């Protein structure tokens, strides 16, 4: 009897999610490139904080993982999804950003021998936000955060952009500085696929946080569009083409900069600006519109007001 109860107790102690808990699944993007598309809603014990998109590239020398998940358990779920595609181990982890679900799984993969890599300012922002991210994720996941150890990327790349050669693949990292300072995208020129990190959102409205920059996001999106990617793995939402990314992210950055930004520069009252643009038919179909749109405008107003 004790043999049966001990595993059950261990599962309950971790705050096990229900049987319908999110199980990541890899989908082929093109050739040897795969995406893991997370749910659009909030972080939770049911999804182990994997409410974002991740991806990987299979090479003859091992797997290159793009972003590592929000916890130890989340990282294990990602590893399991990869294992259904290839027996190759994860040998490299590349972080696009410093938000919790981009990097709190780093320690798990590093412990299995993977090299963890990010742009220098990405890693610096990870280190800066360790406390808030661990506290926030524990609030969402409870005991399922046990065993998670924050590890900012040990291998960092200097410069405004950097080229990485691993496993016979070329990855080009470029700062976006949009959602978090130091965020970057990963461009695979051979496959013409970009992992945008939290620059691009589709199916749900992008979020503008107190430390986000609409100005940087808009500039970065225009630069991304110039790459003419065949496929985009956005930070959130389905794998898409550039046209969908433009409609649901690029056009929204343009709105925030051209309408809200103009109102701020002209010193219009904030409340009047928020009321005037409260209903935008082009974007109200996106998930989280009701909860985020007004706050996004408020923060964009403050950013452009100070310029």
Protein backbone atom coordinates (compact mmCIF):
# COMPACT_ATOMS: atom_id res chain seq x y z
CA UNK A 1 0.00 0.00 0.00
CA UNK A 2 2.80 2.38 0.82
CA UNK A 3 4.37 1.75 -2.57
CA UNK A 4 1.17 2.95 -4.24
CA UNK A 5 0.63 5.98 -2.04
CA UNK A 6 4.13 7.46 -2.23
CA UNK A 7 4.03 8.29 -5.96
CA UNK A 8 0.48 9.64 -5.55
CA UNK A 9 1.58 11.86 -2.68
CA UNK A 10 4.49 13.15 -4.76
CA UNK A 11 2.15 14.04 -7.62
CA UNK A 12 -0.29 15.80 -5.31
CA UNK A 13 2.54 17.70 -3.64
CA UNK A 14 3.47 19.16 -6.99
CA UNK A 15 -0.05 20.42 -7.46
CA UNK A 16 -0.73 18.14 -10.40
CA UNK A 17 -2.93 19.70 -13.08
CA UNK A 18 -6.07 18.04 -14.36
CA UNK A 19 -6.04 15.31 -16.97
CA UNK A 20 -6.82 17.90 -19.66
CA UNK A 21 -3.54 19.74 -18.92
CA UNK A 22 -1.74 21.19 -21.94
CA UNK A 23 0.68 18.79 -23.60
CA UNK A 24 3.00 20.53 -26.10
CA UNK A 25 3.05 19.14 -29.61
CA UNK A 26 5.64 19.80 -32.31
CA UNK A 27 4.48 20.80 -35.78
CA UNK A 28 6.73 20.95 -38.81
CA UNK A 29 7.24 24.44 -40.19
CA UNK A 30 9.53 23.52 -43.05
CA UNK A 31 12.31 20.96 -43.61
CA UNK A 32 14.01 20.37 -40.22
CA UNK A 33 12.37 23.29 -38.41
CA UNK A 34 9.54 22.74 -35.93
CA UNK A 35 7.29 24.93 -33.81
CA UNK A 36 5.59 24.23 -30.49
CA UNK A 37 2.55 26.48 -30.30
CA UNK A 38 1.28 27.26 -26.82
CA UNK A 39 -2.22 28.26 -25.70
CA UNK A 40 -3.28 31.90 -25.98
CA UNK A 41 -4.47 32.31 -22.40
CA UNK A 42 -2.67 33.07 -19.15
CA UNK A 43 0.08 31.03 -17.50
CA UNK A 44 -1.36 28.32 -15.29
CA UNK A 45 -0.60 25.06 -13.52
CA UNK A 46 -2.43 23.32 -16.38
CA UNK A 47 0.02 24.64 -18.99
CA UNK A 48 3.12 24.94 -16.73
CA UNK A 49 3.62 28.47 -18.02
CA UNK A 50 3.95 27.35 -21.64
CA UNK A 51 1.49 29.93 -22.96
CA UNK A 52 3.92 31.01 -25.65
CA UNK A 53 5.57 29.57 -28.73
CA UNK A 54 8.82 27.63 -28.83
CA UNK A 55 10.64 25.82 -31.59
CA UNK A 56 13.58 23.71 -32.58
CA UNK A 57 15.86 22.81 -35.44
CA UNK A 58 16.96 19.20 -35.87
CA UNK A 59 20.57 18.82 -37.03
CA UNK A 60 22.80 15.74 -37.46
CA UNK A 61 24.73 16.90 -34.38
CA UNK A 62 21.80 17.59 -32.09
CA UNK A 63 18.76 19.81 -31.58
CA UNK A 64 18.84 23.59 -31.42
CA UNK A 65 16.00 24.68 -29.12
CA UNK A 66 14.51 28.15 -29.39
CA UNK A 67 13.45 29.20 -25.86
CA UNK A 68 13.30 26.80 -22.95
CA UNK A 69 9.97 27.23 -21.12
CA UNK A 70 8.89 28.73 -17.82
CA UNK A 71 9.85 26.03 -15.33
CA UNK A 72 11.59 22.72 -14.79
CA UNK A 73 8.37 20.83 -15.57
CA UNK A 74 7.69 23.02 -18.59
CA UNK A 75 11.17 22.30 -19.94
CA UNK A 76 10.55 18.57 -19.52
CA UNK A 77 7.30 18.90 -21.47
CA UNK A 78 9.16 20.64 -24.29
CA UNK A 79 11.81 17.91 -24.26
CA UNK A 80 9.07 15.27 -24.48
CA UNK A 81 7.53 17.00 -27.51
CA UNK A 82 10.94 17.08 -29.21
CA UNK A 83 11.43 13.41 -28.41
CA UNK A 84 8.38 12.52 -30.49
CA UNK A 85 10.16 13.98 -33.53
CA UNK A 86 13.79 12.98 -33.08
CA UNK A 87 16.06 10.99 -30.80
CA UNK A 88 18.71 13.69 -31.08
CA UNK A 89 19.35 15.44 -27.75
CA UNK A 90 19.00 19.17 -27.18
CA UNK A 91 22.59 20.36 -27.51
CA UNK A 92 21.95 24.10 -27.81
CA UNK A 93 19.33 26.45 -26.36
CA UNK A 94 18.92 29.92 -27.88
CA UNK A 95 16.86 32.45 -25.92
CA UNK A 96 14.98 35.11 -27.89
CA UNK A 97 14.03 37.05 -24.79
CA UNK A 98 13.95 37.56 -21.07
CA UNK A 99 10.28 37.05 -20.21
CA UNK A 100 9.85 34.10 -17.83
CA UNK A 101 8.64 31.47 -20.33
CA UNK A 102 11.53 32.24 -22.67
CA UNK A 103 14.30 31.16 -20.30
CA UNK A 104 13.37 29.71 -16.89
CA UNK A 105 13.84 26.22 -18.34
CA UNK A 106 17.51 26.97 -19.17
CA UNK A 107 18.90 25.26 -16.09
CA UNK A 108 17.19 21.96 -16.93
CA UNK A 109 18.74 21.76 -20.39
CA UNK A 110 22.13 23.05 -19.19
CA UNK A 111 22.12 20.28 -16.59
CA UNK A 112 21.84 17.78 -19.44
CA UNK A 113 24.84 19.29 -21.22
CA UNK A 114 23.24 21.86 -23.53
CA UNK A 115 24.98 25.15 -24.31
CA UNK A 116 22.63 28.04 -23.48
CA UNK A 117 23.06 31.12 -25.68
CA UNK A 118 21.55 34.61 -25.93
CA UNK A 119 22.43 38.11 -26.98
CA UNK A 120 24.34 39.96 -24.25
CA UNK A 121 21.55 42.38 -23.31
CA UNK A 122 19.02 39.55 -23.35
CA UNK A 123 21.01 37.71 -20.69
CA UNK A 124 21.48 40.91 -18.68
CA UNK A 125 17.72 41.51 -18.62
CA UNK A 126 17.13 37.90 -17.60
CA UNK A 127 19.42 38.44 -14.60
CA UNK A 128 17.70 41.74 -13.75
CA UNK A 129 14.23 40.17 -13.66
CA UNK A 130 15.06 36.94 -11.81
CA UNK A 131 13.21 37.94 -8.63
CA UNK A 132 9.94 39.16 -10.19
CA UNK A 133 9.80 36.28 -12.65
CA UNK A 134 10.35 33.57 -10.07
CA UNK A 135 7.77 35.19 -7.77
CA UNK A 136 5.26 35.64 -10.57
CA UNK A 137 5.61 32.13 -11.93
CA UNK A 138 5.29 30.65 -8.43
CA UNK A 139 2.05 32.59 -8.04
CA UNK A 140 0.74 31.03 -11.25
CA UNK A 141 2.15 27.50 -10.93
CA UNK A 142 2.36 27.02 -7.16
CA UNK A 143 4.22 23.87 -6.17
CA UNK A 144 4.77 22.97 -9.81
CA UNK A 145 7.58 25.55 -9.79
CA UNK A 146 9.56 23.41 -7.33
CA UNK A 147 13.03 22.56 -8.63
CA UNK A 148 13.11 25.46 -11.10
CA UNK A 149 16.40 27.35 -10.92
CA UNK A 150 16.90 30.58 -12.87
CA UNK A 151 19.91 30.48 -15.18
CA UNK A 152 20.50 33.56 -17.36
CA UNK A 153 22.16 32.48 -20.60
CA UNK A 154 25.85 31.80 -19.80
CA UNK A 155 27.03 32.14 -23.43
CA UNK A 156 26.39 35.66 -24.70
CA UNK A 157 26.79 37.28 -28.11
CA UNK A 158 28.02 40.84 -28.52
CA UNK A 159 26.92 43.49 -31.00
CA UNK A 160 23.56 44.71 -32.27
CA UNK A 161 23.24 41.50 -34.28
CA UNK A 162 25.16 38.23 -34.31
CA UNK A 163 25.50 35.13 -36.46
CA UNK A 164 25.60 31.74 -34.79
CA UNK A 165 26.79 28.54 -36.47
CA UNK A 166 25.70 25.36 -34.70
CA UNK A 167 25.15 21.83 -35.99
CA UNK A 168 25.69 22.94 -39.58
CA UNK A 169 22.91 25.53 -39.30
CA UNK A 170 23.14 29.32 -39.48
CA UNK A 171 21.10 31.41 -37.05
CA UNK A 172 21.09 35.22 -37.18
CA UNK A 173 20.04 37.03 -33.99
CA UNK A 174 18.94 40.66 -34.08
CA UNK A 175 17.67 42.84 -31.27
CA UNK A 176 14.07 44.00 -31.31
CA UNK A 177 13.93 45.62 -27.83
CA UNK A 178 10.14 45.60 -28.12
CA UNK A 179 8.43 43.55 -25.40
CA UNK A 180 11.40 43.44 -23.00
CA UNK A 181 14.73 45.27 -23.33
CA UNK A 182 17.20 42.98 -25.05
CA UNK A 183 14.62 40.84 -26.84
CA UNK A 184 15.73 39.48 -30.21
CA UNK A 185 14.53 37.45 -33.16
CA UNK A 186 16.21 34.38 -34.64
CA UNK A 187 16.36 34.24 -38.44
CA UNK A 188 17.14 31.05 -40.32
CA UNK A 189 18.23 32.34 -43.73
CA UNK A 190 18.47 28.92 -45.38
CA UNK A 191 14.88 28.01 -44.50
CA UNK A 192 13.63 31.64 -44.57
CA UNK A 193 11.95 31.14 -41.20
CA UNK A 194 12.02 33.65 -38.37
CA UNK A 195 11.35 32.97 -34.71
CA UNK A 196 10.17 36.44 -33.81
CA UNK A 197 10.09 36.13 -30.03
CA UNK A 198 7.62 38.54 -28.48
CA UNK A 199 7.82 41.01 -31.36
CA UNK A 200 5.00 39.33 -33.31
CA UNK A 201 1.65 38.19 -31.94
CA UNK A 202 -1.15 36.69 -34.02
CA UNK A 203 -4.56 35.38 -32.96
CA UNK A 204 -4.22 37.46 -29.78
CA UNK A 205 -3.44 41.11 -29.17
CA UNK A 206 0.16 41.97 -28.39
CA UNK A 207 0.90 43.26 -24.89
CA UNK A 208 2.62 46.55 -24.13
CA UNK A 209 4.22 46.32 -20.69
CA UNK A 210 5.57 49.23 -18.61
CA UNK A 211 9.09 48.45 -19.92
CA UNK A 212 8.02 47.70 -23.51
CA UNK A 213 8.68 50.07 -26.40
CA UNK A 214 6.13 50.60 -29.15
CA UNK A 215 8.65 52.72 -31.05
CA UNK A 216 11.22 49.92 -31.03
CA UNK A 217 8.58 47.33 -31.85
CA UNK A 218 7.40 49.25 -34.87
CA UNK A 219 10.93 49.72 -36.20
CA UNK A 220 11.82 46.09 -35.58
CA UNK A 221 8.68 44.84 -37.32
CA UNK A 222 9.51 46.88 -40.42
CA UNK A 223 13.02 45.39 -40.41
CA UNK A 224 11.60 41.89 -40.03
CA UNK A 225 9.25 42.49 -42.97
CA UNK A 226 12.25 43.41 -45.13
CA UNK A 227 13.57 39.86 -44.64
CA UNK A 228 10.50 38.60 -46.52
CA UNK A 229 10.23 35.44 -44.39
CA UNK A 230 8.38 32.48 -45.87
CA UNK A 231 7.08 31.52 -42.41
CA UNK A 232 7.00 33.28 -39.05
CA UNK A 233 6.89 31.50 -35.71
CA UNK A 234 5.42 34.33 -33.63
CA UNK A 235 5.79 34.79 -29.91
CA UNK A 236 2.13 33.83 -29.52
CA UNK A 237 -0.42 32.40 -31.95
CA UNK A 238 -0.29 30.11 -34.96
CA UNK A 239 2.67 29.84 -37.30
CA UNK A 240 1.83 32.41 -39.96
CA UNK A 241 2.91 34.27 -43.05
CA UNK A 242 4.01 37.90 -43.22
CA UNK A 243 0.57 39.08 -44.34
CA UNK A 244 -1.13 37.85 -41.16
CA UNK A 245 1.68 39.20 -39.00
CA UNK A 246 1.28 42.58 -40.69
CA UNK A 247 -2.48 42.69 -40.12
CA UNK A 248 -2.42 41.61 -36.50
CA UNK A 249 0.89 43.06 -35.25
CA UNK A 250 2.47 45.47 -37.74
CA UNK A 251 -0.75 47.43 -38.27
CA UNK A 252 -1.32 47.61 -34.51
CA UNK A 253 2.17 49.04 -33.93
CA UNK A 254 1.40 51.57 -36.68
CA UNK A 255 -1.87 52.50 -34.98
CA UNK A 256 -0.22 52.98 -31.59
CA UNK A 257 2.56 55.11 -33.08
CA UNK A 258 0.54 57.13 -35.59
CA UNK A 259 -2.68 57.72 -33.66
CA UNK A 260 -1.91 57.39 -29.97
CA UNK A 261 1.63 58.69 -30.40
CA UNK A 262 0.42 61.71 -32.35
CA UNK A 263 -2.17 62.50 -29.68
CA UNK A 264 0.52 62.34 -27.01
CA UNK A 265 2.88 64.61 -28.91
CA UNK A 266 0.06 67.10 -29.45
CA UNK A 267 -0.65 67.03 -25.68
CA UNK A 268 -4.23 65.87 -26.05
CA UNK A 269 -5.89 64.64 -22.83
CA UNK A 270 -5.08 60.98 -22.24
CA UNK A 271 -8.64 60.02 -21.30
CA UNK A 272 -10.04 61.50 -24.51
CA UNK A 273 -7.50 59.59 -26.58
CA UNK A 274 -8.30 56.29 -24.86
CA UNK A 275 -12.04 56.82 -25.31
CA UNK A 276 -11.73 57.84 -28.97
CA UNK A 277 -9.86 54.67 -29.94
CA UNK A 278 -11.49 52.23 -27.51
CA UNK A 279 -13.22 50.29 -30.30
CA UNK A 280 -11.02 49.19 -33.18
CA UNK A 281 -12.87 46.75 -35.47
CA UNK A 282 -9.62 45.66 -37.14
CA UNK A 283 -8.30 44.20 -33.88
CA UNK A 284 -11.21 43.47 -31.57
CA UNK A 285 -11.47 39.85 -32.83
CA UNK A 286 -8.09 39.07 -31.28
CA UNK A 287 -7.91 37.24 -27.96
CA UNK A 288 -7.18 39.51 -24.96
CA UNK A 289 -8.36 42.62 -26.81
CA UNK A 290 -10.73 43.64 -24.02
CA UNK A 291 -8.14 43.13 -21.33
CA UNK A 292 -5.11 44.68 -23.03
CA UNK A 293 -6.07 47.30 -25.60
CA UNK A 294 -6.75 50.23 -23.27
CA UNK A 295 -3.63 49.54 -21.18
CA UNK A 296 -1.56 49.26 -24.39
CA UNK A 297 -2.75 52.68 -25.52
CA UNK A 298 -2.06 54.16 -22.10
CA UNK A 299 1.54 52.94 -22.11
CA UNK A 300 2.11 53.96 -25.72
CA UNK A 301 0.80 57.44 -24.88
CA UNK A 302 3.27 57.75 -22.00
CA UNK A 303 6.16 56.58 -24.18
CA UNK A 304 5.50 59.06 -26.98
CA UNK A 305 4.60 61.83 -24.54
CA UNK A 306 8.13 61.70 -23.14
CA UNK A 307 9.82 62.02 -26.55
